[in-house]
Amino acid sequence: MTDHRWIHFYIPPSTFSHQKNNLPYEMIVYRDHNNELHFFGNTVAWCLGHTVPHKAIQQLVDADKLYTLSWGSGQFLKEEGVYQLAGSSDPNNAMTFLPWFSSYLQTCKQSGGDPSICPP
């Protein structure tokens, strides 16, 4: 088993209507040794329309729903942290993000998952 089971991929600018300057978002996902997925908090917050991601995470996500990597910087969200942040976000943005997120989870939880977007 590798020490760092993570992947990054780009979310196309057309995915969410509020993406700024027609730029893609870079999603970073880490899979821990318990096979749980963790998502880079800033990207999740941007996908949900927050303009100051670290403040949104600090104010809207409980500490037990965060995940800190010893080898990386930035705050990662556990799956339940993503749902908590979405539940506290603009409903229109959440309604766009949550189907995308659910589909992503389903893809990665399938045996084998899509190696281009799912961590090993």
C-alpha atoms as a PDB file:
ATOM      1  CA  MET A   1       0.000   0.000   0.000  1.00  0.00           C
ATOM      2  CA  THR A   2       1.373   3.417  -0.894  1.00  0.00           C
ATOM      3  CA  ASP A   3       1.782   6.163   1.687  1.00  0.00           C
ATOM      4  CA  HIS A   4       0.114   8.847  -0.418  1.00  0.00           C
ATOM      5  CA  ARG A   5      -2.987   7.678  -2.214  1.00  0.00           C
ATOM      6  CA  TRP A   6      -4.224  10.842  -3.849  1.00  0.00           C
ATOM      7  CA  ILE A   7      -5.138  12.233  -7.210  1.00  0.00           C
ATOM      8  CA  HIS A   8      -5.887  15.620  -8.680  1.00  0.00           C
ATOM      9  CA  PHE A   9      -8.030  16.411 -11.682  1.00  0.00           C
ATOM     10  CA  TYR A  10      -9.691  19.426 -13.226  1.00  0.00           C
ATOM     11  CA  ILE A  11     -13.396  20.176 -13.047  1.00  0.00           C
ATOM     12  CA  PRO A  12     -14.306  21.831 -16.379  1.00  0.00           C
ATOM     13  CA  PRO A  13     -15.421  25.482 -16.199  1.00  0.00           C
ATOM     14  CA  SER A  14     -18.847  24.592 -17.567  1.00  0.00           C
ATOM     15  CA  THR A  15     -19.610  22.308 -14.593  1.00  0.00           C
ATOM     16  CA  PHE A  16     -20.810  25.035 -12.210  1.00  0.00           C
ATOM     17  CA  SER A  17     -22.420  28.252 -13.422  1.00  0.00           C
ATOM     18  CA  HIS A  18     -20.561  30.428 -10.901  1.00  0.00           C
ATOM     19  CA  GLN A  19     -17.025  29.362 -11.905  1.00  0.00           C
ATOM     20  CA  LYS A  20     -15.034  32.558 -12.396  1.00  0.00           C
ATOM     21  CA  ASN A  21     -13.128  33.597 -15.524  1.00  0.00           C
ATOM     22  CA  ASN A  22     -14.006  30.369 -17.342  1.00  0.00           C
ATOM     23  CA  LEU A  23     -11.250  28.556 -15.419  1.00  0.00           C
ATOM     24  CA  PRO A  24     -11.419  24.944 -14.232  1.00  0.00           C
ATOM     25  CA  TYR A  25     -11.262  24.053 -10.548  1.00  0.00           C
ATOM     26  CA  GLU A  26      -8.549  21.634  -9.475  1.00  0.00           C
ATOM     27  CA  MET A  27      -9.916  18.930  -7.192  1.00  0.00           C
ATOM     28  CA  ILE A  28      -7.503  17.032  -4.956  1.00  0.00           C
ATOM     29  CA  VAL A  29      -8.771  13.821  -3.371  1.00  0.00           C
ATOM     30  CA  TYR A  30      -6.944  11.647  -0.842  1.00  0.00           C
ATOM     31  CA  ARG A  31      -7.850   8.061   0.086  1.00  0.00           C
ATOM     32  CA  ASP A  32      -6.702   7.051   3.572  1.00  0.00           C
ATOM     33  CA  HIS A  33      -5.711   3.588   4.789  1.00  0.00           C
ATOM     34  CA  ASN A  34      -9.324   2.947   5.865  1.00  0.00           C
ATOM     35  CA  ASN A  35     -10.379   3.515   2.226  1.00  0.00           C
ATOM     36  CA  GLU A  36     -12.153   6.788   3.123  1.00  0.00           C
ATOM     37  CA  LEU A  37     -12.025   9.686   0.661  1.00  0.00           C
ATOM     38  CA  HIS A  38     -11.056  13.219   1.717  1.00  0.00           C
ATOM     39  CA  PHE A  39     -11.514  16.308  -0.452  1.00  0.00           C
ATOM     40  CA  PHE A  40      -9.450  19.484  -0.629  1.00  0.00           C
ATOM     41  CA  GLY A  41     -11.632  21.958   1.246  1.00  0.00           C
ATOM     42  CA  ASN A  42     -10.822  25.060  -0.773  1.00  0.00           C
ATOM     43  CA  THR A  43     -11.934  23.449  -4.019  1.00  0.00           C
ATOM     44  CA  VAL A  44     -15.138  22.138  -2.468  1.00  0.00           C
ATOM     45  CA  ALA A  45     -15.877  25.604  -1.073  1.00  0.00           C
ATOM     46  CA  TRP A  46     -15.216  27.239  -4.461  1.00  0.00           C
ATOM     47  CA  CYS A  47     -17.493  24.687  -6.151  1.00  0.00           C
ATOM     48  CA  LEU A  48     -20.182  25.723  -3.663  1.00  0.00           C
ATOM     49  CA  GLY A  49     -19.725  29.406  -4.496  1.00  0.00           C
ATOM     50  CA  HIS A  50     -17.741  30.573  -1.456  1.00  0.00           C
ATOM     51  CA  THR A  51     -15.320  33.377  -2.288  1.00  0.00           C
ATOM     52  CA  VAL A  52     -13.199  32.984   0.871  1.00  0.00           C
ATOM     53  CA  PRO A  53     -12.928  29.197   1.191  1.00  0.00           C
ATOM     54  CA  HIS A  54     -10.868  28.926   4.382  1.00  0.00           C
ATOM     55  CA  LYS A  55     -13.326  31.145   6.269  1.00  0.00           C
ATOM     56  CA  ALA A  56     -16.304  29.151   4.998  1.00  0.00           C
ATOM     57  CA  ILE A  57     -14.662  25.934   6.161  1.00  0.00           C
ATOM     58  CA  GLN A  58     -13.744  27.426   9.552  1.00  0.00           C
ATOM     59  CA  GLN A  59     -17.226  28.788  10.158  1.00  0.00           C
ATOM     60  CA  LEU A  60     -19.420  26.088   8.604  1.00  0.00           C
ATOM     61  CA  VAL A  61     -17.674  22.730   9.078  1.00  0.00           C
ATOM     62  CA  ASP A  62     -17.285  20.981  12.442  1.00  0.00           C
ATOM     63  CA  ALA A  63     -13.713  20.065  13.370  1.00  0.00           C
ATOM     64  CA  ASP A  64     -14.512  16.331  13.485  1.00  0.00           C
ATOM     65  CA  LYS A  65     -15.482  16.488   9.796  1.00  0.00           C
ATOM     66  CA  LEU A  66     -12.042  17.803   8.772  1.00  0.00           C
ATOM     67  CA  TYR A  67      -8.967  15.762   7.900  1.00  0.00           C
ATOM     68  CA  THR A  68      -5.392  17.013   8.128  1.00  0.00           C
ATOM     69  CA  LEU A  69      -2.616  15.355   6.178  1.00  0.00           C
ATOM     70  CA  SER A  70       0.785  15.248   7.852  1.00  0.00           C
ATOM     71  CA  TRP A  71       2.520  15.633   4.488  1.00  0.00           C
ATOM     72  CA  GLY A  72       0.389  18.349   2.922  1.00  0.00           C
ATOM     73  CA  SER A  73      -0.972  21.767   3.562  1.00  0.00           C
ATOM     74  CA  GLY A  74      -4.550  22.907   3.424  1.00  0.00           C
ATOM     75  CA  GLN A  75      -7.643  21.470   5.013  1.00  0.00           C
ATOM     76  CA  PHE A  76      -9.312  18.356   3.673  1.00  0.00           C
ATOM     77  CA  LEU A  77     -12.963  17.517   4.265  1.00  0.00           C
ATOM     78  CA  LYS A  78     -14.279  14.105   5.115  1.00  0.00           C
ATOM     79  CA  GLU A  79     -17.306  13.062   3.084  1.00  0.00           C
ATOM     80  CA  GLU A  80     -19.655  14.216   5.847  1.00  0.00           C
ATOM     81  CA  GLY A  81     -17.804  17.559   5.955  1.00  0.00           C
ATOM     82  CA  VAL A  82     -18.528  18.071   2.269  1.00  0.00           C
ATOM     83  CA  TYR A  83     -22.230  17.456   2.912  1.00  0.00           C
ATOM     84  CA  GLN A  84     -22.184  19.780   5.932  1.00  0.00           C
ATOM     85  CA  LEU A  85     -20.591  22.585   3.911  1.00  0.00           C
ATOM     86  CA  ALA A  86     -23.054  22.026   1.065  1.00  0.00           C
ATOM     87  CA  GLY A  87     -25.967  22.180   3.520  1.00  0.00           C
ATOM     88  CA  SER A  88     -24.751  25.557   4.753  1.00  0.00           C
ATOM     89  CA  SER A  89     -24.122  26.998   1.292  1.00  0.00           C
ATOM     90  CA  ASP A  90     -26.298  28.806  -1.227  1.00  0.00           C
ATOM     91  CA  PRO A  91     -29.044  26.288  -2.114  1.00  0.00           C
ATOM     92  CA  ASN A  92     -28.702  26.905  -5.861  1.00  0.00           C
ATOM     93  CA  ASN A  93     -24.979  26.152  -5.759  1.00  0.00           C
ATOM     94  CA  ALA A  94     -25.533  23.108  -3.555  1.00  0.00           C
ATOM     95  CA  MET A  95     -28.210  21.788  -5.949  1.00  0.00           C
ATOM     96  CA  THR A  96     -25.649  21.944  -8.761  1.00  0.00           C
ATOM     97  CA  PHE A  97     -22.740  20.551  -6.750  1.00  0.00           C
ATOM     98  CA  LEU A  98     -24.387  17.659  -4.888  1.00  0.00           C
ATOM     99  CA  PRO A  99     -25.411  15.576  -7.937  1.00  0.00           C
ATOM    100  CA  TRP A 100     -21.888  15.972  -9.332  1.00  0.00           C
ATOM    101  CA  PHE A 101     -20.396  14.979  -5.948  1.00  0.00           C
ATOM    102  CA  SER A 102     -22.719  11.968  -5.516  1.00  0.00           C
ATOM    103  CA  SER A 103     -21.844  10.739  -8.996  1.00  0.00           C
ATOM    104  CA  TYR A 104     -18.153  11.160  -8.243  1.00  0.00           C
ATOM    105  CA  LEU A 105     -18.470   9.173  -5.009  1.00  0.00           C
ATOM    106  CA  GLN A 106     -20.371   6.408  -6.751  1.00  0.00           C
ATOM    107  CA  THR A 107     -17.657   6.185  -9.423  1.00  0.00           C
ATOM    108  CA  CYS A 108     -14.841   5.992  -6.874  1.00  0.00           C
ATOM    109  CA  LYS A 109     -16.567   3.540  -4.568  1.00  0.00           C
ATOM    110  CA  GLN A 110     -17.132   1.048  -7.373  1.00  0.00           C
ATOM    111  CA  SER A 111     -14.598  -1.725  -7.521  1.00  0.00           C
ATOM    112  CA  GLY A 112     -11.736  -0.337  -9.572  1.00  0.00           C
ATOM    113  CA  GLY A 113     -13.189   3.154  -9.964  1.00  0.00           C
ATOM    114  CA  ASP A 114     -12.065   5.461 -12.749  1.00  0.00           C
ATOM    115  CA  PRO A 115      -8.261   5.755 -12.365  1.00  0.00           C
ATOM    116  CA  SER A 116      -8.248   9.159 -14.062  1.00  0.00           C
ATOM    117  CA  ILE A 117     -10.275  10.751 -11.232  1.00  0.00           C
ATOM    118  CA  CYS A 118     -10.238   8.290  -8.302  1.00  0.00           C
ATOM    119  CA  PRO A 119      -7.268   7.807  -5.978  1.00  0.00           C
ATOM    120  CA  PRO A 120      -5.796   4.273  -5.850  1.00  0.00           C
END
